[in-house]
Amino acid sequence: MDEKNLQMIMGLIMHSGDAKSYAMEAIQAAKTNDFAAAEVSLNEAKESLIKAHQSQTEMLTKEAQGDPIEVTLLTVHSQDHLMTSISFTDLAKEMVDLYKVINGR
């Protein structure tokens, strides 16, 4: 695997992992009724997912142009990270909203 492909894959893993971490921070903030911090963390998660999607788009564009990336365990792992982070961030948004309802906000 060449350096450019490895950078795209690692970018996908890194930004997806960041998104999941920010989503967890949002849940933890909501648990302590710090909804301002929860919203900041959710916005950070969203920005990280945008960056992850940009890495994925680079990979897809490269393949569409006839230069596919070799599918390795690392490639599959990067896609798994992205999908997990998207689901986790969506769930975190719902949990923050639920904590708001529970606390009458």
Protein backbone atom coordinates (compact mmCIF):
# COMPACT_ATOMS: atom_id res chain seq x y z
CA MET A 1 0.00 0.00 0.00
CA ASP A 2 1.41 3.38 -0.94
CA GLU A 3 1.82 6.30 1.46
CA LYS A 4 -1.10 8.34 0.04
CA ASN A 5 -3.55 5.45 0.46
CA LEU A 6 -2.29 4.79 3.97
CA GLN A 7 -2.78 8.47 4.85
CA MET A 8 -6.38 8.39 3.60
CA ILE A 9 -7.13 5.23 5.58
CA MET A 10 -5.47 6.50 8.75
CA GLY A 11 -7.31 9.83 8.38
CA LEU A 12 -10.57 7.95 8.25
CA ILE A 13 -9.70 5.99 11.38
CA MET A 14 -8.39 9.01 13.27
CA HIS A 15 -11.27 11.39 12.51
CA SER A 16 -13.88 8.69 13.12
CA GLY A 17 -12.30 7.90 16.48
CA ASP A 18 -12.29 11.59 17.37
CA ALA A 19 -15.99 11.84 16.53
CA LYS A 20 -16.83 8.93 18.80
CA SER A 21 -14.78 10.43 21.64
CA TYR A 22 -16.52 13.80 21.29
CA ALA A 23 -19.90 12.06 21.26
CA MET A 24 -19.02 10.30 24.51
CA GLU A 25 -17.95 13.64 26.00
CA ALA A 26 -21.36 15.04 25.04
CA ILE A 27 -23.15 12.26 26.89
CA GLN A 28 -20.97 12.73 29.96
CA ALA A 29 -21.62 16.48 29.95
CA ALA A 30 -25.37 15.95 29.62
CA LYS A 31 -25.29 13.58 32.59
CA THR A 32 -24.04 16.48 34.71
CA ASN A 33 -26.59 18.90 33.19
CA ASP A 34 -23.88 20.82 31.32
CA PHE A 35 -25.85 21.11 28.11
CA ALA A 36 -23.69 23.91 26.72
CA ALA A 37 -20.64 21.64 26.89
CA ALA A 38 -22.68 18.77 25.46
CA GLU A 39 -23.61 20.87 22.43
CA VAL A 40 -19.99 21.93 21.93
CA SER A 41 -18.92 18.27 21.99
CA LEU A 42 -21.68 17.27 19.57
CA ASN A 43 -20.54 20.01 17.20
CA GLU A 44 -16.94 18.76 17.48
CA ALA A 45 -18.18 15.24 16.71
CA LYS A 46 -19.98 16.57 13.65
CA GLU A 47 -16.83 18.34 12.43
CA SER A 48 -14.77 15.19 12.93
CA LEU A 49 -17.30 13.17 10.94
CA ILE A 50 -17.08 15.71 8.12
CA LYS A 51 -13.30 15.23 8.06
CA ALA A 52 -13.73 11.46 8.12
CA HIS A 53 -16.17 11.66 5.22
CA GLN A 54 -13.65 13.74 3.29
CA SER A 55 -11.11 10.93 3.68
CA GLN A 56 -13.68 8.40 2.57
CA THR A 57 -14.63 10.57 -0.42
CA GLU A 58 -10.98 10.71 -1.48
CA MET A 59 -10.90 6.93 -1.44
CA LEU A 60 -14.15 6.62 -3.39
CA THR A 61 -13.08 9.23 -5.94
CA LYS A 62 -9.80 7.45 -6.51
CA GLU A 63 -11.65 4.20 -7.17
CA ALA A 64 -14.18 5.88 -9.46
CA GLN A 65 -11.26 7.25 -11.49
CA GLY A 66 -10.04 3.70 -12.08
CA ASP A 67 -7.38 3.58 -9.37
CA PRO A 68 -8.90 1.37 -6.65
CA ILE A 69 -7.37 1.04 -3.21
CA GLU A 70 -6.33 -2.43 -2.17
CA VAL A 71 -8.88 -3.80 0.30
CA THR A 72 -6.99 -4.87 3.38
CA LEU A 73 -8.01 -5.49 6.96
CA LEU A 74 -6.92 -1.91 7.69
CA THR A 75 -9.23 -0.60 4.97
CA VAL A 76 -12.16 -2.57 6.33
CA HIS A 77 -11.27 -1.42 9.85
CA SER A 78 -11.39 2.23 8.73
CA GLN A 79 -14.89 1.80 7.28
CA ASP A 80 -16.01 0.03 10.44
CA HIS A 81 -14.74 2.95 12.53
CA LEU A 82 -16.68 5.41 10.40
CA MET A 83 -19.97 3.52 10.58
CA THR A 84 -19.64 2.97 14.33
CA SER A 85 -18.88 6.64 14.90
CA ILE A 86 -21.85 7.78 12.84
CA SER A 87 -24.18 5.51 14.80
CA PHE A 88 -22.65 6.49 18.13
CA THR A 89 -22.88 10.21 17.36
CA ASP A 90 -26.53 9.85 16.33
CA LEU A 91 -27.23 8.01 19.58
CA ALA A 92 -25.37 10.65 21.61
CA LYS A 93 -27.56 13.39 20.11
CA GLU A 94 -30.65 11.48 21.18
CA MET A 95 -29.27 10.89 24.67
CA VAL A 96 -28.43 14.58 25.15
CA ASP A 97 -31.98 15.43 24.10
CA LEU A 98 -33.32 12.84 26.51
CA TYR A 99 -31.30 14.29 29.40
CA LYS A 100 -32.73 17.70 28.51
CA VAL A 101 -36.28 16.33 28.75
CA ILE A 102 -35.55 14.54 32.02
CA ASN A 103 -34.15 17.75 33.49
CA GLY A 104 -36.98 19.94 32.17
CA ARG A 105 -34.89 21.87 29.66
